[in-house]
Amino acid sequence: MKDEPFFIVNDFTDNNKRELENIINTTKPEHYKKLKKAVFLRNFTNALFKSYRKNKTPEHIEKYNLLKKKEALLKKLQELEKK
């Protein structure tokens, strides 16, 4: 009887092959519209997050400063009441 040939399968090369096939599939012209939409949505959501952070920071700082001033005024008021 003949022995069947034994092949060693390397999992790392199989994963690389799948990744390369996915890259090749995304470069096909049929996928350009989908990719353009995906890139637009990604950029749009990133811009929304950036604008939210810019608007959020000054209000947060103003509230913090107002709270500090309020605490300081309350301490002064309590000292004056004690006297």
C-alpha atoms as a PDB file:
ATOM      1  CA  MET A   1       0.000   0.000   0.000  1.00  0.00           C
ATOM      2  CA  LYS A   2       1.080   3.461  -0.758  1.00  0.00           C
ATOM      3  CA  ASP A   3       1.326   5.930   2.035  1.00  0.00           C
ATOM      4  CA  GLU A   4      -0.715   9.039   1.589  1.00  0.00           C
ATOM      5  CA  PRO A   5       1.397  12.178   1.408  1.00  0.00           C
ATOM      6  CA  PHE A   6       1.541  14.163   4.596  1.00  0.00           C
ATOM      7  CA  PHE A   7       1.195  17.918   4.315  1.00  0.00           C
ATOM      8  CA  ILE A   8       2.007  20.330   7.053  1.00  0.00           C
ATOM      9  CA  VAL A   9      -0.509  23.124   7.239  1.00  0.00           C
ATOM     10  CA  ASN A  10       0.806  26.378   8.546  1.00  0.00           C
ATOM     11  CA  ASP A  11      -1.978  28.375  10.203  1.00  0.00           C
ATOM     12  CA  PHE A  12      -0.038  31.619   9.963  1.00  0.00           C
ATOM     13  CA  THR A  13       0.176  31.453   6.187  1.00  0.00           C
ATOM     14  CA  ASP A  14      -3.530  30.617   5.961  1.00  0.00           C
ATOM     15  CA  ASN A  15      -4.403  33.734   7.983  1.00  0.00           C
ATOM     16  CA  ASN A  16      -2.116  35.869   5.844  1.00  0.00           C
ATOM     17  CA  LYS A  17      -3.680  34.455   2.711  1.00  0.00           C
ATOM     18  CA  ARG A  18      -7.194  35.317   3.943  1.00  0.00           C
ATOM     19  CA  GLU A  19      -6.122  38.847   4.818  1.00  0.00           C
ATOM     20  CA  LEU A  20      -4.539  39.316   1.401  1.00  0.00           C
ATOM     21  CA  GLU A  21      -7.663  38.000  -0.313  1.00  0.00           C
ATOM     22  CA  ASN A  22      -9.783  40.504   1.664  1.00  0.00           C
ATOM     23  CA  ILE A  23      -7.472  43.323   0.597  1.00  0.00           C
ATOM     24  CA  ILE A  24      -7.690  42.260  -3.033  1.00  0.00           C
ATOM     25  CA  ASN A  25     -11.495  42.085  -2.812  1.00  0.00           C
ATOM     26  CA  THR A  26     -11.703  45.611  -1.399  1.00  0.00           C
ATOM     27  CA  THR A  27      -9.606  47.016  -4.244  1.00  0.00           C
ATOM     28  CA  LYS A  28     -12.066  45.798  -6.849  1.00  0.00           C
ATOM     29  CA  PRO A  29     -14.111  48.585  -8.492  1.00  0.00           C
ATOM     30  CA  GLU A  30     -17.443  47.193  -7.229  1.00  0.00           C
ATOM     31  CA  HIS A  31     -16.494  48.082  -3.651  1.00  0.00           C
ATOM     32  CA  TYR A  32     -15.469  51.710  -4.265  1.00  0.00           C
ATOM     33  CA  LYS A  33     -18.923  53.157  -3.614  1.00  0.00           C
ATOM     34  CA  LYS A  34     -19.255  51.263  -0.351  1.00  0.00           C
ATOM     35  CA  LEU A  35     -15.781  52.326   0.725  1.00  0.00           C
ATOM     36  CA  LYS A  36     -16.423  55.980  -0.155  1.00  0.00           C
ATOM     37  CA  LYS A  37     -19.593  55.937   1.930  1.00  0.00           C
ATOM     38  CA  ALA A  38     -17.786  54.264   4.815  1.00  0.00           C
ATOM     39  CA  VAL A  39     -14.945  56.790   4.715  1.00  0.00           C
ATOM     40  CA  PHE A  40     -17.423  59.671   4.559  1.00  0.00           C
ATOM     41  CA  LEU A  41     -19.328  58.326   7.572  1.00  0.00           C
ATOM     42  CA  ARG A  42     -16.124  57.803   9.535  1.00  0.00           C
ATOM     43  CA  ASN A  43     -14.915  61.336   8.817  1.00  0.00           C
ATOM     44  CA  PHE A  44     -18.343  62.771   9.585  1.00  0.00           C
ATOM     45  CA  THR A  45     -18.618  61.031  12.956  1.00  0.00           C
ATOM     46  CA  ASN A  46     -15.058  62.003  13.871  1.00  0.00           C
ATOM     47  CA  ALA A  47     -15.859  65.631  13.076  1.00  0.00           C
ATOM     48  CA  LEU A  48     -18.985  65.426  15.245  1.00  0.00           C
ATOM     49  CA  PHE A  49     -16.989  64.074  18.169  1.00  0.00           C
ATOM     50  CA  LYS A  50     -14.328  66.763  17.760  1.00  0.00           C
ATOM     51  CA  SER A  51     -16.894  69.555  17.663  1.00  0.00           C
ATOM     52  CA  TYR A  52     -18.623  68.137  20.746  1.00  0.00           C
ATOM     53  CA  ARG A  53     -15.349  68.077  22.663  1.00  0.00           C
ATOM     54  CA  LYS A  54     -14.564  71.665  21.656  1.00  0.00           C
ATOM     55  CA  ASN A  55     -17.963  72.891  22.785  1.00  0.00           C
ATOM     56  CA  LYS A  56     -17.972  70.833  25.955  1.00  0.00           C
ATOM     57  CA  THR A  57     -14.651  71.976  27.379  1.00  0.00           C
ATOM     58  CA  PRO A  58     -15.300  75.727  27.900  1.00  0.00           C
ATOM     59  CA  GLU A  59     -18.663  75.136  29.596  1.00  0.00           C
ATOM     60  CA  HIS A  60     -17.108  72.594  31.894  1.00  0.00           C
ATOM     61  CA  ILE A  61     -14.340  75.007  32.854  1.00  0.00           C
ATOM     62  CA  GLU A  62     -16.815  77.838  33.428  1.00  0.00           C
ATOM     63  CA  LYS A  63     -18.951  75.679  35.707  1.00  0.00           C
ATOM     64  CA  TYR A  64     -15.884  74.604  37.664  1.00  0.00           C
ATOM     65  CA  ASN A  65     -14.764  78.212  38.110  1.00  0.00           C
ATOM     66  CA  LEU A  66     -18.252  79.289  39.186  1.00  0.00           C
ATOM     67  CA  LEU A  67     -18.419  76.492  41.744  1.00  0.00           C
ATOM     68  CA  LYS A  68     -15.042  77.505  43.172  1.00  0.00           C
ATOM     69  CA  LYS A  69     -16.179  81.142  43.435  1.00  0.00           C
ATOM     70  CA  LYS A  70     -19.415  80.051  45.091  1.00  0.00           C
ATOM     71  CA  GLU A  71     -17.533  77.972  47.663  1.00  0.00           C
ATOM     72  CA  ALA A  72     -15.193  80.865  48.399  1.00  0.00           C
ATOM     73  CA  LEU A  73     -18.092  83.295  48.840  1.00  0.00           C
ATOM     74  CA  LEU A  74     -19.927  80.878  51.127  1.00  0.00           C
ATOM     75  CA  LYS A  75     -16.818  80.520  53.294  1.00  0.00           C
ATOM     76  CA  LYS A  76     -16.506  84.312  53.539  1.00  0.00           C
ATOM     77  CA  LEU A  77     -20.197  84.597  54.414  1.00  0.00           C
ATOM     78  CA  GLN A  78     -19.854  81.996  57.178  1.00  0.00           C
ATOM     79  CA  GLU A  79     -16.809  83.818  58.593  1.00  0.00           C
ATOM     80  CA  LEU A  80     -18.695  87.113  58.582  1.00  0.00           C
ATOM     81  CA  GLU A  81     -21.700  85.516  60.311  1.00  0.00           C
ATOM     82  CA  LYS A  82     -19.437  84.101  63.031  1.00  0.00           C
ATOM     83  CA  LYS A  83     -17.968  87.519  63.739  1.00  0.00           C
END
